[in-house]
PDB file of N, CA and C in Angstrom:
ATOM      1  N   UNK A   1       1.810  -2.149  14.413  1.00  0.00           N
ATOM      2  CA  UNK A   1       1.697  -2.060  12.964  1.00  0.00           C
ATOM      3  C   UNK A   1       2.178  -0.684  12.522  1.00  0.00           C
ATOM      4  N   UNK A   2       2.932  -0.649  11.435  1.00  0.00           N
ATOM      5  CA  UNK A   2       3.419   0.625  10.913  1.00  0.00           C
ATOM      6  C   UNK A   2       2.266   1.413  10.307  1.00  0.00           C
ATOM      7  N   UNK A   3       2.461   2.712  10.178  1.00  0.00           N
ATOM      8  CA  UNK A   3       1.416   3.592   9.672  1.00  0.00           C
ATOM      9  C   UNK A   3       1.684   4.006   8.227  1.00  0.00           C
ATOM     10  N   UNK A   4       0.660   4.557   7.603  1.00  0.00           N
ATOM     11  CA  UNK A   4       0.821   5.051   6.233  1.00  0.00           C
ATOM     12  C   UNK A   4       1.849   6.176   6.186  1.00  0.00           C
ATOM     13  N   UNK A   5       1.882   7.007   7.235  1.00  0.00           N
ATOM     14  CA  UNK A   5       2.859   8.089   7.283  1.00  0.00           C
ATOM     15  C   UNK A   5       4.285   7.550   7.356  1.00  0.00           C
ATOM     16  N   UNK A   6       4.467   6.479   8.109  1.00  0.00           N
ATOM     17  CA  UNK A   6       5.786   5.855   8.187  1.00  0.00           C
ATOM     18  C   UNK A   6       6.189   5.262   6.844  1.00  0.00           C
ATOM     19  N   UNK A   7       5.245   4.660   6.151  1.00  0.00           N
ATOM     20  CA  UNK A   7       5.553   4.090   4.835  1.00  0.00           C
ATOM     21  C   UNK A   7       5.971   5.197   3.882  1.00  0.00           C
ATOM     22  N   UNK A   8       5.214   6.280   3.829  1.00  0.00           N
ATOM     23  CA  UNK A   8       5.549   7.389   2.934  1.00  0.00           C
ATOM     24  C   UNK A   8       6.910   7.988   3.293  1.00  0.00           C
ATOM     25  N   UNK A   9       7.159   8.158   4.599  1.00  0.00           N
ATOM     26  CA  UNK A   9       8.434   8.708   5.024  1.00  0.00           C
ATOM     27  C   UNK A   9       9.604   7.801   4.679  1.00  0.00           C
ATOM     28  N   UNK A  10       9.442   6.519   4.934  1.00  0.00           N
ATOM     29  CA  UNK A  10      10.499   5.552   4.638  1.00  0.00           C
ATOM     30  C   UNK A  10      10.752   5.470   3.139  1.00  0.00           C
ATOM     31  N   UNK A  11       9.690   5.514   2.362  1.00  0.00           N
ATOM     32  CA  UNK A  11       9.850   5.470   0.901  1.00  0.00           C
ATOM     33  C   UNK A  11      10.604   6.704   0.422  1.00  0.00           C
ATOM     34  N   UNK A  12      10.281   7.851   1.017  1.00  0.00           N
ATOM     35  CA  UNK A  12      10.995   9.075   0.663  1.00  0.00           C
ATOM     36  C   UNK A  12      12.472   8.993   1.017  1.00  0.00           C
ATOM     37  N   UNK A  13      12.766   8.409   2.164  1.00  0.00           N
ATOM     38  CA  UNK A  13      14.163   8.280   2.589  1.00  0.00           C
ATOM     39  C   UNK A  13      14.956   7.361   1.674  1.00  0.00           C
ATOM     40  N   UNK A  14      14.315   6.327   1.159  1.00  0.00           N
ATOM     41  CA  UNK A  14      15.018   5.401   0.261  1.00  0.00           C
ATOM     42  C   UNK A  14      15.110   5.949  -1.157  1.00  0.00           C
ATOM     43  N   UNK A  15      14.238   6.915  -1.466  1.00  0.00           N
ATOM     44  CA  UNK A  15      14.206   7.448  -2.830  1.00  0.00           C
ATOM     45  C   UNK A  15      13.423   6.583  -3.792  1.00  0.00           C
ATOM     46  N   UNK A  16      12.666   5.612  -3.249  1.00  0.00           N
ATOM     47  CA  UNK A  16      11.895   4.704  -4.092  1.00  0.00           C
ATOM     48  C   UNK A  16      10.575   5.338  -4.497  1.00  0.00           C
ATOM     49  N   UNK A  17      10.144   5.036  -5.686  1.00  0.00           N
ATOM     50  CA  UNK A  17       8.791   5.384  -6.116  1.00  0.00           C
ATOM     51  C   UNK A  17       7.826   4.356  -5.526  1.00  0.00           C
ATOM     52  N   UNK A  18       6.553   4.642  -5.614  1.00  0.00           N
ATOM     53  CA  UNK A  18       5.545   3.674  -5.157  1.00  0.00           C
ATOM     54  C   UNK A  18       5.679   2.370  -5.928  1.00  0.00           C
ATOM     55  N   UNK A  19       5.954   2.483  -7.213  1.00  0.00           N
ATOM     56  CA  UNK A  19       6.101   1.292  -8.053  1.00  0.00           C
ATOM     57  C   UNK A  19       7.303   0.457  -7.601  1.00  0.00           C
ATOM     58  N   UNK A  20       8.419   1.119  -7.272  1.00  0.00           N
ATOM     59  CA  UNK A  20       9.602   0.382  -6.812  1.00  0.00           C
ATOM     60  C   UNK A  20       9.321  -0.341  -5.502  1.00  0.00           C
ATOM     61  N   UNK A  21       8.637   0.335  -4.577  1.00  0.00           N
ATOM     62  CA  UNK A  21       8.292  -0.319  -3.313  1.00  0.00           C
ATOM     63  C   UNK A  21       7.393  -1.519  -3.567  1.00  0.00           C
ATOM     64  N   UNK A  22       6.429  -1.368  -4.454  1.00  0.00           N
ATOM     65  CA  UNK A  22       5.526  -2.476  -4.774  1.00  0.00           C
ATOM     66  C   UNK A  22       6.319  -3.676  -5.292  1.00  0.00           C
ATOM     67  N   UNK A  23       7.267  -3.425  -6.182  1.00  0.00           N
ATOM     68  CA  UNK A  23       8.077  -4.511  -6.741  1.00  0.00           C
ATOM     69  C   UNK A  23       8.916  -5.184  -5.662  1.00  0.00           C
ATOM     70  N   UNK A  24       9.553  -4.386  -4.825  1.00  0.00           N
ATOM     71  CA  UNK A  24      10.428  -4.937  -3.788  1.00  0.00           C
ATOM     72  C   UNK A  24       9.645  -5.698  -2.718  1.00  0.00           C
ATOM     73  N   UNK A  25       8.393  -5.287  -2.495  1.00  0.00           N
ATOM     74  CA  UNK A  25       7.547  -5.963  -1.504  1.00  0.00           C
ATOM     75  C   UNK A  25       6.758  -7.116  -2.116  1.00  0.00           C
ATOM     76  N   UNK A  26       6.787  -7.253  -3.443  1.00  0.00           N
ATOM     77  CA  UNK A  26       6.039  -8.312  -4.106  1.00  0.00           C
ATOM     78  C   UNK A  26       4.543  -8.065  -4.120  1.00  0.00           C
ATOM     79  N   UNK A  27       4.167  -6.785  -4.169  1.00  0.00           N
ATOM     80  CA  UNK A  27       2.752  -6.407  -4.148  1.00  0.00           C
ATOM     81  C   UNK A  27       2.407  -5.569  -5.368  1.00  0.00           C
ATOM     82  N   UNK A  28       1.127  -5.345  -5.562  1.00  0.00           N
ATOM     83  CA  UNK A  28       0.681  -4.506  -6.657  1.00  0.00           C
ATOM     84  C   UNK A  28       0.792  -3.027  -6.303  1.00  0.00           C
ATOM     85  N   UNK A  29       0.957  -2.196  -7.311  1.00  0.00           N
ATOM     86  CA  UNK A  29       1.042  -0.758  -7.107  1.00  0.00           C
ATOM     87  C   UNK A  29      -0.198  -0.217  -6.404  1.00  0.00           C
ATOM     88  N   UNK A  30      -1.368  -0.697  -6.779  1.00  0.00           N
ATOM     89  CA  UNK A  30      -2.611  -0.227  -6.157  1.00  0.00           C
ATOM     90  C   UNK A  30      -2.634  -0.522  -4.658  1.00  0.00           C
ATOM     91  N   UNK A  31      -2.038  -1.633  -4.250  1.00  0.00           N
ATOM     92  CA  UNK A  31      -1.985  -1.985  -2.826  1.00  0.00           C
ATOM     93  C   UNK A  31      -1.142  -0.967  -2.067  1.00  0.00           C
ATOM     94  N   UNK A  32       0.000  -0.609  -2.610  1.00  0.00           N
ATOM     95  CA  UNK A  32       0.872   0.384  -1.966  1.00  0.00           C
ATOM     96  C   UNK A  32       0.155   1.726  -1.899  1.00  0.00           C
ATOM     97  N   UNK A  33      -0.457   2.133  -2.982  1.00  0.00           N
ATOM     98  CA  UNK A  33      -1.160   3.420  -3.007  1.00  0.00           C
ATOM     99  C   UNK A  33      -2.308   3.444  -2.003  1.00  0.00           C
ATOM    100  N   UNK A  34      -3.004   2.354  -1.880  1.00  0.00           N
ATOM    101  CA  UNK A  34      -4.105   2.271  -0.920  1.00  0.00           C
ATOM    102  C   UNK A  34      -3.569   2.379   0.517  1.00  0.00           C
ATOM    103  N   UNK A  35      -2.477   1.678   0.806  1.00  0.00           N
ATOM    104  CA  UNK A  35      -1.883   1.758   2.143  1.00  0.00           C
ATOM    105  C   UNK A  35      -1.438   3.181   2.461  1.00  0.00           C
ATOM    106  N   UNK A  36      -0.829   3.844   1.502  1.00  0.00           N
ATOM    107  CA  UNK A  36      -0.318   5.191   1.740  1.00  0.00           C
ATOM    108  C   UNK A  36      -1.432   6.222   1.850  1.00  0.00           C
ATOM    109  N   UNK A  37      -2.524   6.019   1.147  1.00  0.00           N
ATOM    110  CA  UNK A  37      -3.597   7.014   1.113  1.00  0.00           C
ATOM    111  C   UNK A  37      -4.728   6.755   2.098  1.00  0.00           C
ATOM    112  N   UNK A  38      -5.027   5.492   2.356  1.00  0.00           N
ATOM    113  CA  UNK A  38      -6.154   5.163   3.238  1.00  0.00           C
ATOM    114  C   UNK A  38      -5.728   4.554   4.562  1.00  0.00           C
ATOM    115  N   UNK A  39      -4.434   4.339   4.727  1.00  0.00           N
ATOM    116  CA  UNK A  39      -3.930   3.769   5.968  1.00  0.00           C
ATOM    117  C   UNK A  39      -3.665   2.285   5.846  1.00  0.00           C
ATOM    118  N   UNK A  40      -2.842   1.793   6.737  1.00  0.00           N
ATOM    119  CA  UNK A  40      -2.466   0.383   6.689  1.00  0.00           C
ATOM    120  C   UNK A  40      -3.604  -0.527   7.136  1.00  0.00           C
ATOM    121  N   UNK A  41      -4.591   0.031   7.825  1.00  0.00           N
ATOM    122  CA  UNK A  41      -5.753  -0.764   8.219  1.00  0.00           C
ATOM    123  C   UNK A  41      -6.592  -1.194   7.029  1.00  0.00           C
ATOM    124  N   UNK A  42      -6.337  -0.577   5.862  1.00  0.00           N
ATOM    125  CA  UNK A  42      -7.074  -0.927   4.653  1.00  0.00           C
ATOM    126  C   UNK A  42      -6.451  -2.118   3.934  1.00  0.00           C
ATOM    127  N   UNK A  43      -5.395  -2.690   4.502  1.00  0.00           N
ATOM    128  CA  UNK A  43      -4.684  -3.791   3.871  1.00  0.00           C
ATOM    129  C   UNK A  43      -4.569  -4.964   4.847  1.00  0.00           C
ATOM    130  N   UNK A  44      -4.137  -6.095   4.328  1.00  0.00           N
ATOM    131  CA  UNK A  44      -3.946  -7.266   5.187  1.00  0.00           C
ATOM    132  C   UNK A  44      -2.647  -7.123   5.973  1.00  0.00           C
ATOM    133  N   UNK A  45      -2.578  -7.805   7.089  1.00  0.00           N
ATOM    134  CA  UNK A  45      -1.358  -7.796   7.899  1.00  0.00           C
ATOM    135  C   UNK A  45      -0.178  -8.343   7.095  1.00  0.00           C
ATOM    136  N   UNK A  46      -0.421  -9.330   6.248  1.00  0.00           N
ATOM    137  CA  UNK A  46       0.652  -9.908   5.436  1.00  0.00           C
ATOM    138  C   UNK A  46       1.215  -8.882   4.457  1.00  0.00           C
ATOM    139  N   UNK A  47       0.350  -8.056   3.880  1.00  0.00           N
ATOM    140  CA  UNK A  47       0.820  -7.030   2.946  1.00  0.00           C
ATOM    141  C   UNK A  47       1.613  -5.948   3.668  1.00  0.00           C
ATOM    142  N   UNK A  48       1.137  -5.537   4.835  1.00  0.00           N
ATOM    143  CA  UNK A  48       1.858  -4.533   5.623  1.00  0.00           C
ATOM    144  C   UNK A  48       3.220  -5.087   6.021  1.00  0.00           C
ATOM    145  N   UNK A  49       3.259  -6.347   6.419  1.00  0.00           N
ATOM    146  CA  UNK A  49       4.515  -6.990   6.792  1.00  0.00           C
ATOM    147  C   UNK A  49       5.478  -7.031   5.614  1.00  0.00           C
ATOM    148  N   UNK A  50       4.985  -7.304   4.417  1.00  0.00           N
ATOM    149  CA  UNK A  50       5.838  -7.356   3.224  1.00  0.00           C
ATOM    150  C   UNK A  50       6.459  -5.990   2.948  1.00  0.00           C
ATOM    151  N   UNK A  51       5.683  -4.933   3.119  1.00  0.00           N
ATOM    152  CA  UNK A  51       6.194  -3.575   2.922  1.00  0.00           C
ATOM    153  C   UNK A  51       7.248  -3.263   3.975  1.00  0.00           C
ATOM    154  N   UNK A  52       6.950  -3.599   5.219  1.00  0.00           N
ATOM    155  CA  UNK A  52       7.890  -3.335   6.308  1.00  0.00           C
ATOM    156  C   UNK A  52       9.200  -4.079   6.076  1.00  0.00           C
ATOM    157  N   UNK A  53       9.125  -5.334   5.699  1.00  0.00           N
ATOM    158  CA  UNK A  53      10.343  -6.118   5.463  1.00  0.00           C
ATOM    159  C   UNK A  53      11.173  -5.547   4.316  1.00  0.00           C
ATOM    160  N   UNK A  54      10.507  -5.106   3.243  1.00  0.00           N
ATOM    161  CA  UNK A  54      11.229  -4.536   2.099  1.00  0.00           C
ATOM    162  C   UNK A  54      11.958  -3.260   2.497  1.00  0.00           C
ATOM    163  N   UNK A  55      11.297  -2.421   3.266  1.00  0.00           N
ATOM    164  CA  UNK A  55      11.917  -1.169   3.690  1.00  0.00           C
ATOM    165  C   UNK A  55      13.021  -1.410   4.715  1.00  0.00           C
ATOM    166  N   UNK A  56      12.827  -2.357   5.613  1.00  0.00           N
ATOM    167  CA  UNK A  56      13.871  -2.686   6.580  1.00  0.00           C
ATOM    168  C   UNK A  56      15.102  -3.263   5.881  1.00  0.00           C
ATOM    169  N   UNK A  57      14.898  -4.027   4.817  1.00  0.00           N
ATOM    170  CA  UNK A  57      16.021  -4.566   4.054  1.00  0.00           C
ATOM    171  C   UNK A  57      16.827  -3.453   3.391  1.00  0.00           C
ATOM    172  N   UNK A  58      16.186  -2.311   3.170  1.00  0.00           N
ATOM    173  CA  UNK A  58      16.859  -1.153   2.571  1.00  0.00           C
ATOM    174  C   UNK A  58      17.529  -0.286   3.633  1.00  0.00           C
ATOM    175  N   UNK A  59      17.461  -0.704   4.903  1.00  0.00           N
ATOM    176  CA  UNK A  59      18.142   0.030   5.955  1.00  0.00           C
ATOM    177  C   UNK A  59      17.271   0.929   6.800  1.00  0.00           C
ATOM    178  N   UNK A  60      15.959   0.815   6.643  1.00  0.00           N
ATOM    179  CA  UNK A  60      15.029   1.641   7.411  1.00  0.00           C
ATOM    180  C   UNK A  60      14.710   0.971   8.737  1.00  0.00           C
ATOM    181  N   UNK A  61      14.608   1.765   9.779  1.00  0.00           N
ATOM    182  CA  UNK A  61      14.166   1.294  11.083  1.00  0.00           C
ATOM    183  C   UNK A  61      12.878   2.041  11.441  1.00  0.00           C
ATOM    184  N   UNK A  62      11.865   1.312  11.821  1.00  0.00           N
ATOM    185  CA  UNK A  62      10.588   1.912  12.216  1.00  0.00           C
ATOM    186  C   UNK A  62      10.592   2.130  13.720  1.00  0.00           C
ATOM    187  N   UNK A  63      10.208   3.334  14.121  1.00  0.00           N
ATOM    188  CA  UNK A  63      10.178   3.708  15.531  1.00  0.00           C
ATOM    189  C   UNK A  63       8.719   3.711  15.961  1.00  0.00           C
ATOM    190  N   UNK A  64       8.419   2.955  17.002  1.00  0.00           N
ATOM    191  CA  UNK A  64       7.034   2.860  17.458  1.00  0.00           C
ATOM    192  C   UNK A  64       6.618   4.110  18.220  1.00  0.00           C
ATOM    193  N   UNK A  65       5.319   4.253  18.389  1.00  0.00           N
ATOM    194  CA  UNK A  65       4.766   5.346  19.199  1.00  0.00           C
ATOM    195  C   UNK A  65       5.281   5.172  20.616  1.00  0.00           C
ATOM    196  N   UNK A  66       5.996   6.162  21.106  1.00  0.00           N
ATOM    197  CA  UNK A  66       6.581   6.026  22.446  1.00  0.00           C
ATOM    198  C   UNK A  66       6.452   7.325  23.236  1.00  0.00           C
ATOM    199  N   UNK A  67       5.403   8.047  22.972  1.00  0.00           N
ATOM    200  CA  UNK A  67       5.211   9.321  23.639  1.00  0.00           C
ATOM    201  C   UNK A  67       5.722  10.485  22.817  1.00  0.00           C
ATOM    202  N   UNK A  68       6.621  10.197  21.906  1.00  0.00           N
ATOM    203  CA  UNK A  68       7.173  11.232  21.033  1.00  0.00           C
ATOM    204  C   UNK A  68       6.663  11.117  19.614  1.00  0.00           C
ATOM    205  N   UNK A  69       5.881  10.114  19.352  1.00  0.00           N
ATOM    206  CA  UNK A  69       5.333   9.911  18.016  1.00  0.00           C
ATOM    207  C   UNK A  69       6.087   8.841  17.246  1.00  0.00           C
ATOM    208  N   UNK A  70       5.369   8.156  16.408  1.00  0.00           N
ATOM    209  CA  UNK A  70       5.961   7.129  15.558  1.00  0.00           C
ATOM    210  C   UNK A  70       6.837   7.798  14.509  1.00  0.00           C
ATOM    211  N   UNK A  71       7.827   7.064  14.013  1.00  0.00           N
ATOM    212  CA  UNK A  71       8.713   7.649  13.015  1.00  0.00           C
ATOM    213  C   UNK A  71       9.507   6.606  12.276  1.00  0.00           C
ATOM    214  N   UNK A  72      10.446   7.092  11.484  1.00  0.00           N
ATOM    215  CA  UNK A  72      11.367   6.238  10.725  1.00  0.00           C
ATOM    216  C   UNK A  72      12.745   6.880  10.752  1.00  0.00           C
ATOM    217  N   UNK A  73      13.751   6.041  10.624  1.00  0.00           N
ATOM    218  CA  UNK A  73      15.127   6.525  10.512  1.00  0.00           C
ATOM    219  C   UNK A  73      15.947   5.432   9.839  1.00  0.00           C
ATOM    220  N   UNK A  74      17.137   5.799   9.425  1.00  0.00           N
ATOM    221  CA  UNK A  74      18.050   4.785   8.926  1.00  0.00           C
ATOM    222  C   UNK A  74      18.649   4.057  10.116  1.00  0.00           C
ATOM    223  N   UNK A  75      18.851   2.764   9.968  1.00  0.00           N
ATOM    224  CA  UNK A  75      19.513   1.980  11.010  1.00  0.00           C
ATOM    225  C   UNK A  75      20.941   2.498  11.164  1.00  0.00           C
ATOM    226  N   UNK A  76      21.446   2.379  12.359  1.00  0.00           N
ATOM    227  CA  UNK A  76      22.821   2.785  12.610  1.00  0.00           C
ATOM    228  C   UNK A  76      23.753   1.922  11.770  1.00  0.00           C
ATOM    229  N   UNK A  77      24.676   2.573  11.122  1.00  0.00           N
ATOM    230  CA  UNK A  77      25.636   1.841  10.326  1.00  0.00           C
ATOM    231  C   UNK A  77      26.961   1.809  11.071  1.00  0.00           C
ATOM    232  N   UNK A  78      27.423   0.641  11.355  1.00  0.00           N
ATOM    233  CA  UNK A  78      28.673   0.484  12.096  1.00  0.00           C
ATOM    234  C   UNK A  78      29.827   0.827  11.158  1.00  0.00           C
ATOM    235  N   UNK A  79      30.709   1.691  11.642  1.00  0.00           N
ATOM    236  CA  UNK A  79      31.878   2.052  10.850  1.00  0.00           C
ATOM    237  C   UNK A  79      31.710   3.312  10.035  1.00  0.00           C
ATOM    238  N   UNK A  80      30.523   3.919  10.061  1.00  0.00           N
ATOM    239  CA  UNK A  80      30.327   5.172   9.314  1.00  0.00           C
ATOM    240  C   UNK A  80      30.667   6.363  10.163  1.00  0.00           C
TER     241      UNK A  80
END
């Protein structure tokens, strides 16, 4: 499961406001704010999945905890 820090980082990378992420994920603004401030454990798995899918559609790749820490980056773009 992605973390609140990953959500905040990914949102910053896309340049989206919390409201924009909420709209793109089909969720309420309060849900996004709660996830970012209290952690993703404060939300349902379906809501976390909706946020992850919206950010991945914008080109974000979530990096799992692998000894170096969880993170986010843009997906590799072929031809750039």
